[in-house]
Amino acid sequence: MSNFVSAAELNELRESGTPVRVIDVRWRLDRPDGRADYLEGHIPGAVFVPLGTELATHGEPSEGRHPLPSTPTLQDAARRWGVNRGDVVVAYDDAKGVSAARAWWLLRQGGVDVRVLDGGIRAWTAAGLPVETDDVQVEPGDVVLDEIGADAISIDDAAAFPQTGVLLDARAADRYRGEHEPLDPIAGHIPGALNLPMAAHLDAEGKILDTHTLQASFAAVGVTEGTPVAAYCGSGITAAHTALVLDEIGIEAKVFPGSWSQWSNTPGRPAALGDQPG
């Protein structure tokens, strides 16, 4: 079964009577609080999810910008969204699935049947489907989550990963090369990491590419079925999208949630520059 649903498929799910909870996870680097966008128009019945407080926690800079929430914190949040045991959860955003993928990655670990709306809110409106502007409040759900964290790797794991597998840097190429670093104190990439930007997996409308094209893209950086692979990015959000896409083509991946924000704020961690792993 695909991790993605189209706008038409989501609409059919909602009308079929299937227990489905839609969550709006709008978050971008330039607009981390997407509530205003949500209130301008969202899928009917969708509950707004603040990524920074419900899909992440906060700590010291050396922990990264978006450390994982605890399982109880995530469970409380999911219950606030109205998620019940047995529900299908569909996450969407307006950032090509990046922040929705963070919800997918966490909830999947918790044992939830979760999908991502392919193309996000733009695909929904392009299909002529309705939006609403209310601030949806729902009855609390009763979902019970499994312990999360098994799909995450630590900073030490990330440092050693290129010795036994492929460590993917999902950021834009200029950040990987160290030419541009808008957020973190040091530019560059984790030594041994290979660059495969998240945008390489999507078409012009922000929808996932076909399986053959995706397989070829990953194979070009040495990732095929059976390859140990982990992904990181700036703060563990975009990397979850890489894990989502890999899972879609049948390849399991780990995520380094601290990502470059943790690495660059930890004394003694080297930074490689240029377009080679280094």
C-alpha atoms as a PDB file:
ATOM      1  CA  MET A   1       0.000   0.000   0.000  1.00  0.00           C
ATOM      2  CA  SER A   2       1.321   3.439  -0.927  1.00  0.00           C
ATOM      3  CA  ASN A   3       2.379   6.006   1.660  1.00  0.00           C
ATOM      4  CA  PHE A   4       0.731   8.634  -0.544  1.00  0.00           C
ATOM      5  CA  VAL A   5      -2.879   9.419  -1.389  1.00  0.00           C
ATOM      6  CA  SER A   6      -4.079  11.670  -4.160  1.00  0.00           C
ATOM      7  CA  ALA A   7      -6.597  14.442  -3.563  1.00  0.00           C
ATOM      8  CA  ALA A   8      -9.289  12.317  -5.201  1.00  0.00           C
ATOM      9  CA  GLU A   9      -8.420   9.308  -3.045  1.00  0.00           C
ATOM     10  CA  LEU A  10      -8.521  11.389   0.129  1.00  0.00           C
ATOM     11  CA  ASN A  11     -11.890  12.804  -0.850  1.00  0.00           C
ATOM     12  CA  GLU A  12     -13.191   9.281  -1.448  1.00  0.00           C
ATOM     13  CA  LEU A  13     -11.836   8.164   1.931  1.00  0.00           C
ATOM     14  CA  ARG A  14     -13.603  11.024   3.682  1.00  0.00           C
ATOM     15  CA  GLU A  15     -16.889  10.246   1.941  1.00  0.00           C
ATOM     16  CA  SER A  16     -16.668   6.471   2.388  1.00  0.00           C
ATOM     17  CA  GLY A  17     -17.165   6.450   6.129  1.00  0.00           C
ATOM     18  CA  THR A  18     -13.631   5.163   6.769  1.00  0.00           C
ATOM     19  CA  PRO A  19     -12.348   6.545  10.087  1.00  0.00           C
ATOM     20  CA  VAL A  20      -9.878   9.136   8.806  1.00  0.00           C
ATOM     21  CA  ARG A  21      -8.259  12.058  10.582  1.00  0.00           C
ATOM     22  CA  VAL A  22      -6.748  14.755   8.381  1.00  0.00           C
ATOM     23  CA  ILE A  23      -3.977  16.901   9.865  1.00  0.00           C
ATOM     24  CA  ASP A  24      -2.628  20.164   8.462  1.00  0.00           C
ATOM     25  CA  VAL A  25       1.121  20.371   9.158  1.00  0.00           C
ATOM     26  CA  ARG A  26       1.992  23.665   7.505  1.00  0.00           C
ATOM     27  CA  TRP A  27       5.534  24.690   8.420  1.00  0.00           C
ATOM     28  CA  ARG A  28       8.367  26.220   6.427  1.00  0.00           C
ATOM     29  CA  LEU A  29      11.762  27.621   7.331  1.00  0.00           C
ATOM     30  CA  ASP A  30      10.550  31.087   6.352  1.00  0.00           C
ATOM     31  CA  ARG A  31       7.176  30.641   8.062  1.00  0.00           C
ATOM     32  CA  PRO A  32       7.462  28.180  10.944  1.00  0.00           C
ATOM     33  CA  ASP A  33       3.969  28.929  12.278  1.00  0.00           C
ATOM     34  CA  GLY A  34       1.520  27.977   9.555  1.00  0.00           C
ATOM     35  CA  ARG A  35      -1.672  28.630  11.525  1.00  0.00           C
ATOM     36  CA  ALA A  36      -2.502  31.814   9.603  1.00  0.00           C
ATOM     37  CA  ASP A  37      -2.254  29.917   6.310  1.00  0.00           C
ATOM     38  CA  TYR A  38      -4.398  27.146   7.764  1.00  0.00           C
ATOM     39  CA  LEU A  39      -7.098  29.651   8.713  1.00  0.00           C
ATOM     40  CA  GLU A  40      -7.071  31.099   5.212  1.00  0.00           C
ATOM     41  CA  GLY A  41      -8.209  27.746   3.865  1.00  0.00           C
ATOM     42  CA  HIS A  42      -7.789  24.113   4.835  1.00  0.00           C
ATOM     43  CA  ILE A  43      -9.288  20.740   3.975  1.00  0.00           C
ATOM     44  CA  PRO A  44     -12.667  20.445   5.725  1.00  0.00           C
ATOM     45  CA  GLY A  45     -12.259  18.852   9.146  1.00  0.00           C
ATOM     46  CA  ALA A  46      -8.456  19.095   9.143  1.00  0.00           C
ATOM     47  CA  VAL A  47      -6.849  19.824  12.512  1.00  0.00           C
ATOM     48  CA  PHE A  48      -3.868  22.184  12.584  1.00  0.00           C
ATOM     49  CA  VAL A  49      -0.635  20.671  13.937  1.00  0.00           C
ATOM     50  CA  PRO A  50       2.131  23.021  15.163  1.00  0.00           C
ATOM     51  CA  LEU A  51       5.267  21.164  14.139  1.00  0.00           C
ATOM     52  CA  GLY A  52       7.612  22.981  16.516  1.00  0.00           C
ATOM     53  CA  THR A  53       5.746  21.980  19.675  1.00  0.00           C
ATOM     54  CA  GLU A  54       3.949  18.737  18.799  1.00  0.00           C
ATOM     55  CA  LEU A  55       6.261  17.033  16.312  1.00  0.00           C
ATOM     56  CA  ALA A  56       9.430  18.249  18.018  1.00  0.00           C
ATOM     57  CA  THR A  57      10.690  19.436  21.362  1.00  0.00           C
ATOM     58  CA  HIS A  58      13.234  22.062  22.392  1.00  0.00           C
ATOM     59  CA  GLY A  59      16.558  21.750  24.146  1.00  0.00           C
ATOM     60  CA  GLU A  60      20.141  22.941  23.939  1.00  0.00           C
ATOM     61  CA  PRO A  61      21.618  23.931  20.560  1.00  0.00           C
ATOM     62  CA  SER A  62      23.763  20.808  20.766  1.00  0.00           C
ATOM     63  CA  GLU A  63      20.543  18.762  20.480  1.00  0.00           C
ATOM     64  CA  GLY A  64      19.565  20.366  17.171  1.00  0.00           C
ATOM     65  CA  ARG A  65      16.648  22.616  16.280  1.00  0.00           C
ATOM     66  CA  HIS A  66      13.962  19.908  16.221  1.00  0.00           C
ATOM     67  CA  PRO A  67      14.721  17.071  18.655  1.00  0.00           C
ATOM     68  CA  LEU A  68      12.216  14.234  18.773  1.00  0.00           C
ATOM     69  CA  PRO A  69       9.246  14.604  21.091  1.00  0.00           C
ATOM     70  CA  SER A  70       8.815  11.930  23.725  1.00  0.00           C
ATOM     71  CA  THR A  71       6.310   9.199  22.983  1.00  0.00           C
ATOM     72  CA  PRO A  72       3.880  10.509  25.658  1.00  0.00           C
ATOM     73  CA  THR A  73       4.115  14.035  24.182  1.00  0.00           C
ATOM     74  CA  LEU A  74       3.361  12.750  20.686  1.00  0.00           C
ATOM     75  CA  GLN A  75       0.542  10.570  21.974  1.00  0.00           C
ATOM     76  CA  ASP A  76      -1.057  13.491  23.808  1.00  0.00           C
ATOM     77  CA  ALA A  77      -0.792  15.556  20.622  1.00  0.00           C
ATOM     78  CA  ALA A  78      -2.319  12.812  18.470  1.00  0.00           C
ATOM     79  CA  ARG A  79      -5.205  12.493  20.903  1.00  0.00           C
ATOM     80  CA  ARG A  80      -5.713  16.273  20.702  1.00  0.00           C
ATOM     81  CA  TRP A  81      -5.983  15.903  16.933  1.00  0.00           C
ATOM     82  CA  GLY A  82      -8.802  13.411  17.537  1.00  0.00           C
ATOM     83  CA  VAL A  83      -6.901  10.313  16.459  1.00  0.00           C
ATOM     84  CA  ASN A  84      -8.522   7.108  17.669  1.00  0.00           C
ATOM     85  CA  ARG A  85      -7.217   3.562  17.620  1.00  0.00           C
ATOM     86  CA  GLY A  86      -7.667   2.171  14.113  1.00  0.00           C
ATOM     87  CA  ASP A  87      -7.953   5.547  12.386  1.00  0.00           C
ATOM     88  CA  VAL A  88      -6.212   6.334   9.120  1.00  0.00           C
ATOM     89  CA  VAL A  89      -4.292   9.606   9.448  1.00  0.00           C
ATOM     90  CA  VAL A  90      -3.572  11.728   6.379  1.00  0.00           C
ATOM     91  CA  ALA A  91      -1.049  14.549   6.737  1.00  0.00           C
ATOM     92  CA  TYR A  92      -0.581  17.430   4.315  1.00  0.00           C
ATOM     93  CA  ASP A  93       1.205  20.765   4.048  1.00  0.00           C
ATOM     94  CA  ASP A  94       2.025  23.451   1.508  1.00  0.00           C
ATOM     95  CA  ALA A  95       5.763  22.675   1.345  1.00  0.00           C
ATOM     96  CA  LYS A  96       5.951  19.702  -1.036  1.00  0.00           C
ATOM     97  CA  GLY A  97       5.312  17.209   1.736  1.00  0.00           C
ATOM     98  CA  VAL A  98       8.347  18.098   3.848  1.00  0.00           C
ATOM     99  CA  SER A  99       6.592  18.838   7.130  1.00  0.00           C
ATOM    100  CA  ALA A 100       3.839  16.281   6.497  1.00  0.00           C
ATOM    101  CA  ALA A 101       6.610  13.699   6.152  1.00  0.00           C
ATOM    102  CA  ARG A 102       7.798  14.501   9.676  1.00  0.00           C
ATOM    103  CA  ALA A 103       4.329  13.579  10.945  1.00  0.00           C
ATOM    104  CA  TRP A 104       4.373  10.419   8.818  1.00  0.00           C
ATOM    105  CA  TRP A 105       7.784   9.383  10.149  1.00  0.00           C
ATOM    106  CA  LEU A 106       6.849   9.835  13.796  1.00  0.00           C
ATOM    107  CA  LEU A 107       3.336   8.392  13.650  1.00  0.00           C
ATOM    108  CA  ARG A 108       4.458   5.401  11.615  1.00  0.00           C
ATOM    109  CA  GLN A 109       6.922   4.520  14.353  1.00  0.00           C
ATOM    110  CA  GLY A 110       4.047   4.809  16.796  1.00  0.00           C
ATOM    111  CA  GLY A 111       2.079   2.158  14.913  1.00  0.00           C
ATOM    112  CA  VAL A 112      -0.423   4.474  13.188  1.00  0.00           C
ATOM    113  CA  ASP A 113      -1.717   3.885   9.658  1.00  0.00           C
ATOM    114  CA  VAL A 114      -0.559   7.213   8.214  1.00  0.00           C
ATOM    115  CA  ARG A 115      -0.346   8.599   4.667  1.00  0.00           C
ATOM    116  CA  VAL A 116       0.744  11.854   3.027  1.00  0.00           C
ATOM    117  CA  LEU A 117      -1.402  13.837   0.609  1.00  0.00           C
ATOM    118  CA  ASP A 118       0.540  13.870  -2.656  1.00  0.00           C
ATOM    119  CA  GLY A 119       0.948  17.477  -3.746  1.00  0.00           C
ATOM    120  CA  GLY A 120      -0.448  18.866  -0.493  1.00  0.00           C
ATOM    121  CA  ILE A 121      -3.110  21.545  -0.212  1.00  0.00           C
ATOM    122  CA  ARG A 122      -2.336  22.801  -3.711  1.00  0.00           C
ATOM    123  CA  ALA A 123      -3.287  19.449  -5.208  1.00  0.00           C
ATOM    124  CA  TRP A 124      -6.521  19.526  -3.210  1.00  0.00           C
ATOM    125  CA  THR A 125      -7.536  22.974  -4.450  1.00  0.00           C
ATOM    126  CA  ALA A 126      -6.353  22.238  -7.999  1.00  0.00           C
ATOM    127  CA  ALA A 127      -8.790  19.327  -8.023  1.00  0.00           C
ATOM    128  CA  GLY A 128     -11.605  21.778  -7.312  1.00  0.00           C
ATOM    129  CA  LEU A 129     -12.233  20.403  -3.840  1.00  0.00           C
ATOM    130  CA  PRO A 130     -13.567  22.669  -1.085  1.00  0.00           C
ATOM    131  CA  VAL A 131     -11.686  24.373   1.721  1.00  0.00           C
ATOM    132  CA  GLU A 132     -12.921  25.841   4.989  1.00  0.00           C
ATOM    133  CA  THR A 133     -11.603  28.618   7.228  1.00  0.00           C
ATOM    134  CA  ASP A 134     -12.663  27.516  10.710  1.00  0.00           C
ATOM    135  CA  ASP A 135     -10.258  26.546  13.500  1.00  0.00           C
ATOM    136  CA  VAL A 136     -11.241  22.894  13.824  1.00  0.00           C
ATOM    137  CA  GLN A 137     -11.594  21.571  17.369  1.00  0.00           C
ATOM    138  CA  VAL A 138     -12.416  17.895  17.835  1.00  0.00           C
ATOM    139  CA  GLU A 139     -13.203  15.461  20.613  1.00  0.00           C
ATOM    140  CA  PRO A 140      -9.991  13.963  22.032  1.00  0.00           C
ATOM    141  CA  GLY A 141      -9.020  10.600  20.589  1.00  0.00           C
ATOM    142  CA  ASP A 142      -7.914   7.446  22.358  1.00  0.00           C
ATOM    143  CA  VAL A 143      -4.943   6.340  20.215  1.00  0.00           C
ATOM    144  CA  VAL A 144      -2.167   4.465  22.020  1.00  0.00           C
ATOM    145  CA  LEU A 145       1.255   4.840  20.386  1.00  0.00           C
ATOM    146  CA  ASP A 146       4.111   2.391  20.344  1.00  0.00           C
ATOM    147  CA  GLU A 147       7.452   3.724  21.562  1.00  0.00           C
ATOM    148  CA  ILE A 148       9.102   5.944  18.943  1.00  0.00           C
ATOM    149  CA  GLY A 149      12.796   6.473  18.296  1.00  0.00           C
ATOM    150  CA  ALA A 150      13.943   3.158  16.824  1.00  0.00           C
ATOM    151  CA  ASP A 151      14.182   4.689  13.337  1.00  0.00           C
ATOM    152  CA  ALA A 152      16.449   7.501  14.561  1.00  0.00           C
ATOM    153  CA  ILE A 153      20.242   7.492  14.766  1.00  0.00           C
ATOM    154  CA  SER A 154      22.481   9.467  17.116  1.00  0.00           C
ATOM    155  CA  ILE A 155      25.243  11.900  16.226  1.00  0.00           C
ATOM    156  CA  ASP A 156      27.848   9.192  16.827  1.00  0.00           C
ATOM    157  CA  ASP A 157      25.893   6.792  14.623  1.00  0.00           C
ATOM    158  CA  ALA A 158      25.813   9.443  11.890  1.00  0.00           C
ATOM    159  CA  ALA A 159      29.574   9.975  12.106  1.00  0.00           C
ATOM    160  CA  ALA A 160      30.237   6.252  11.663  1.00  0.00           C
ATOM    161  CA  PHE A 161      27.462   5.513   9.159  1.00  0.00           C
ATOM    162  CA  PRO A 162      29.443   6.105   5.922  1.00  0.00           C
ATOM    163  CA  GLN A 163      31.781   3.283   6.905  1.00  0.00           C
ATOM    164  CA  THR A 164      29.043   0.668   6.576  1.00  0.00           C
ATOM    165  CA  GLY A 165      26.294   2.287   4.509  1.00  0.00           C
ATOM    166  CA  VAL A 166      25.205   5.431   2.693  1.00  0.00           C
ATOM    167  CA  LEU A 167      24.572   8.633   4.625  1.00  0.00           C
ATOM    168  CA  LEU A 168      22.447  11.006   2.545  1.00  0.00           C
ATOM    169  CA  ASP A 169      22.399  14.779   2.955  1.00  0.00           C
ATOM    170  CA  ALA A 170      18.947  15.912   1.797  1.00  0.00           C
ATOM    171  CA  ARG A 171      19.719  19.649   1.758  1.00  0.00           C
ATOM    172  CA  ALA A 172      20.176  21.808  -1.320  1.00  0.00           C
ATOM    173  CA  ALA A 173      23.526  21.367  -3.047  1.00  0.00           C
ATOM    174  CA  ASP A 174      24.901  24.798  -2.076  1.00  0.00           C
ATOM    175  CA  ARG A 175      24.400  24.063   1.624  1.00  0.00           C
ATOM    176  CA  TYR A 176      25.981  20.642   1.231  1.00  0.00           C
ATOM    177  CA  ARG A 177      29.016  22.202  -0.453  1.00  0.00           C
ATOM    178  CA  GLY A 178      29.294  24.812   2.290  1.00  0.00           C
ATOM    179  CA  GLU A 179      28.743  27.781  -0.011  1.00  0.00           C
ATOM    180  CA  HIS A 180      25.630  28.921   1.843  1.00  0.00           C
ATOM    181  CA  GLU A 181      24.497  28.365   5.423  1.00  0.00           C
ATOM    182  CA  PRO A 182      21.580  30.553   6.532  1.00  0.00           C
ATOM    183  CA  LEU A 183      20.823  28.947   9.887  1.00  0.00           C
ATOM    184  CA  ASP A 184      23.699  27.089  11.486  1.00  0.00           C
ATOM    185  CA  PRO A 185      27.065  28.321  12.840  1.00  0.00           C
ATOM    186  CA  ILE A 186      29.244  26.268  10.485  1.00  0.00           C
ATOM    187  CA  ALA A 187      28.817  25.479   6.800  1.00  0.00           C
ATOM    188  CA  GLY A 188      29.495  22.176   5.081  1.00  0.00           C
ATOM    189  CA  HIS A 189      28.444  18.566   5.491  1.00  0.00           C
ATOM    190  CA  ILE A 190      29.139  15.487   7.579  1.00  0.00           C
ATOM    191  CA  PRO A 191      32.290  13.812   6.245  1.00  0.00           C
ATOM    192  CA  GLY A 192      31.401  10.831   4.078  1.00  0.00           C
ATOM    193  CA  ALA A 193      27.855  11.988   3.347  1.00  0.00           C
ATOM    194  CA  LEU A 194      26.513  12.061  -0.199  1.00  0.00           C
ATOM    195  CA  ASN A 195      24.187  14.788  -1.421  1.00  0.00           C
ATOM    196  CA  LEU A 196      20.739  13.970  -2.803  1.00  0.00           C
ATOM    197  CA  PRO A 197      18.451  16.981  -2.372  1.00  0.00           C
ATOM    198  CA  MET A 198      14.853  16.278  -1.430  1.00  0.00           C
ATOM    199  CA  ALA A 199      13.612  18.196  -4.484  1.00  0.00           C
ATOM    200  CA  ALA A 200      15.065  15.489  -6.745  1.00  0.00           C
ATOM    201  CA  HIS A 201      12.164  13.202  -5.765  1.00  0.00           C
ATOM    202  CA  LEU A 202       9.369  15.526  -6.901  1.00  0.00           C
ATOM    203  CA  ASP A 203       7.876  16.913 -10.078  1.00  0.00           C
ATOM    204  CA  ALA A 204       7.103  20.568 -10.755  1.00  0.00           C
ATOM    205  CA  GLU A 205       3.804  20.298  -8.849  1.00  0.00           C
ATOM    206  CA  GLY A 206       5.451  18.835  -5.766  1.00  0.00           C
ATOM    207  CA  LYS A 207       4.165  15.316  -6.413  1.00  0.00           C
ATOM    208  CA  ILE A 208       6.282  12.206  -6.035  1.00  0.00           C
ATOM    209  CA  LEU A 209       7.967  10.876  -9.159  1.00  0.00           C
ATOM    210  CA  ASP A 210       7.421   7.387 -10.527  1.00  0.00           C
ATOM    211  CA  THR A 211       9.102   4.395  -8.907  1.00  0.00           C
ATOM    212  CA  HIS A 212      11.565   3.736 -11.737  1.00  0.00           C
ATOM    213  CA  THR A 213      12.843   7.317 -11.712  1.00  0.00           C
ATOM    214  CA  LEU A 214      13.202   7.278  -7.931  1.00  0.00           C
ATOM    215  CA  GLN A 215      15.054   3.972  -7.954  1.00  0.00           C
ATOM    216  CA  ALA A 216      17.479   5.311 -10.564  1.00  0.00           C
ATOM    217  CA  SER A 217      18.067   8.500  -8.564  1.00  0.00           C
ATOM    218  CA  PHE A 218      18.932   6.602  -5.401  1.00  0.00           C
ATOM    219  CA  ALA A 219      20.977   4.002  -7.262  1.00  0.00           C
ATOM    220  CA  ALA A 220      23.130   6.833  -8.625  1.00  0.00           C
ATOM    221  CA  VAL A 221      24.329   7.495  -5.052  1.00  0.00           C
ATOM    222  CA  GLY A 222      24.710   3.821  -4.205  1.00  0.00           C
ATOM    223  CA  VAL A 223      21.347   3.152  -2.574  1.00  0.00           C
ATOM    224  CA  THR A 224      19.565   0.022  -3.722  1.00  0.00           C
ATOM    225  CA  GLU A 225      17.475  -2.602  -1.943  1.00  0.00           C
ATOM    226  CA  GLY A 226      19.451  -3.957   1.018  1.00  0.00           C
ATOM    227  CA  THR A 227      21.770  -0.951   1.307  1.00  0.00           C
ATOM    228  CA  PRO A 228      22.023   0.414   4.861  1.00  0.00           C
ATOM    229  CA  VAL A 229      20.953   4.056   4.441  1.00  0.00           C
ATOM    230  CA  ALA A 230      20.335   7.018   6.711  1.00  0.00           C
ATOM    231  CA  ALA A 231      19.374  10.605   5.928  1.00  0.00           C
ATOM    232  CA  TYR A 232      19.944  13.983   7.514  1.00  0.00           C
ATOM    233  CA  CYS A 233      19.219  17.582   6.576  1.00  0.00           C
ATOM    234  CA  GLY A 234      19.266  20.895   8.442  1.00  0.00           C
ATOM    235  CA  SER A 235      17.182  19.908  11.448  1.00  0.00           C
ATOM    236  CA  GLY A 236      15.615  16.514  10.791  1.00  0.00           C
ATOM    237  CA  ILE A 237      12.500  17.638   8.896  1.00  0.00           C
ATOM    238  CA  THR A 238      13.485  17.293   5.237  1.00  0.00           C
ATOM    239  CA  ALA A 239      15.343  14.047   6.007  1.00  0.00           C
ATOM    240  CA  ALA A 240      12.033  12.475   7.045  1.00  0.00           C
ATOM    241  CA  HIS A 241      10.801  13.124   3.501  1.00  0.00           C
ATOM    242  CA  THR A 242      13.764  11.196   2.126  1.00  0.00           C
ATOM    243  CA  ALA A 243      12.867   8.314   4.462  1.00  0.00           C
ATOM    244  CA  LEU A 244       9.272   8.525   3.247  1.00  0.00           C
ATOM    245  CA  VAL A 245      10.292   8.314  -0.401  1.00  0.00           C
ATOM    246  CA  LEU A 246      12.722   5.462   0.255  1.00  0.00           C
ATOM    247  CA  ASP A 247      10.015   3.524   2.072  1.00  0.00           C
ATOM    248  CA  GLU A 248       7.715   4.089  -0.887  1.00  0.00           C
ATOM    249  CA  ILE A 249      10.154   2.204  -3.126  1.00  0.00           C
ATOM    250  CA  GLY A 250      10.739  -0.544  -0.579  1.00  0.00           C
ATOM    251  CA  ILE A 251      13.968   0.615   1.068  1.00  0.00           C
ATOM    252  CA  GLU A 252      14.155   1.117   4.820  1.00  0.00           C
ATOM    253  CA  ALA A 253      16.032   4.181   6.040  1.00  0.00           C
ATOM    254  CA  LYS A 254      17.050   5.728   9.315  1.00  0.00           C
ATOM    255  CA  VAL A 255      16.961   9.462  10.077  1.00  0.00           C
ATOM    256  CA  PHE A 256      19.468  11.524  12.041  1.00  0.00           C
ATOM    257  CA  PRO A 257      17.008  13.917  13.707  1.00  0.00           C
ATOM    258  CA  GLY A 258      19.692  16.235  15.098  1.00  0.00           C
ATOM    259  CA  SER A 259      21.027  16.652  11.559  1.00  0.00           C
ATOM    260  CA  TRP A 260      23.370  19.509  10.636  1.00  0.00           C
ATOM    261  CA  SER A 261      21.935  21.773  13.349  1.00  0.00           C
ATOM    262  CA  GLN A 262      23.193  19.353  16.020  1.00  0.00           C
ATOM    263  CA  TRP A 263      26.406  18.464  14.230  1.00  0.00           C
ATOM    264  CA  SER A 264      27.449  22.096  13.681  1.00  0.00           C
ATOM    265  CA  ASN A 265      26.675  23.027  17.290  1.00  0.00           C
ATOM    266  CA  THR A 266      28.742  20.188  18.763  1.00  0.00           C
ATOM    267  CA  PRO A 267      32.410  21.071  19.361  1.00  0.00           C
ATOM    268  CA  GLY A 268      34.905  18.816  17.676  1.00  0.00           C
ATOM    269  CA  ARG A 269      32.723  17.634  14.825  1.00  0.00           C
ATOM    270  CA  PRO A 270      34.485  18.209  11.481  1.00  0.00           C
ATOM    271  CA  ALA A 271      32.840  19.809   8.485  1.00  0.00           C
ATOM    272  CA  ALA A 272      33.592  18.713   4.927  1.00  0.00           C
ATOM    273  CA  LEU A 273      33.366  21.251   2.105  1.00  0.00           C
ATOM    274  CA  GLY A 274      32.854  20.963  -1.626  1.00  0.00           C
ATOM    275  CA  ASP A 275      30.902  18.544  -3.771  1.00  0.00           C
ATOM    276  CA  GLN A 276      32.715  15.380  -2.653  1.00  0.00           C
ATOM    277  CA  PRO A 277      31.987  13.352   0.518  1.00  0.00           C
ATOM    278  CA  GLY A 278      35.340  14.455   1.928  1.00  0.00           C
END
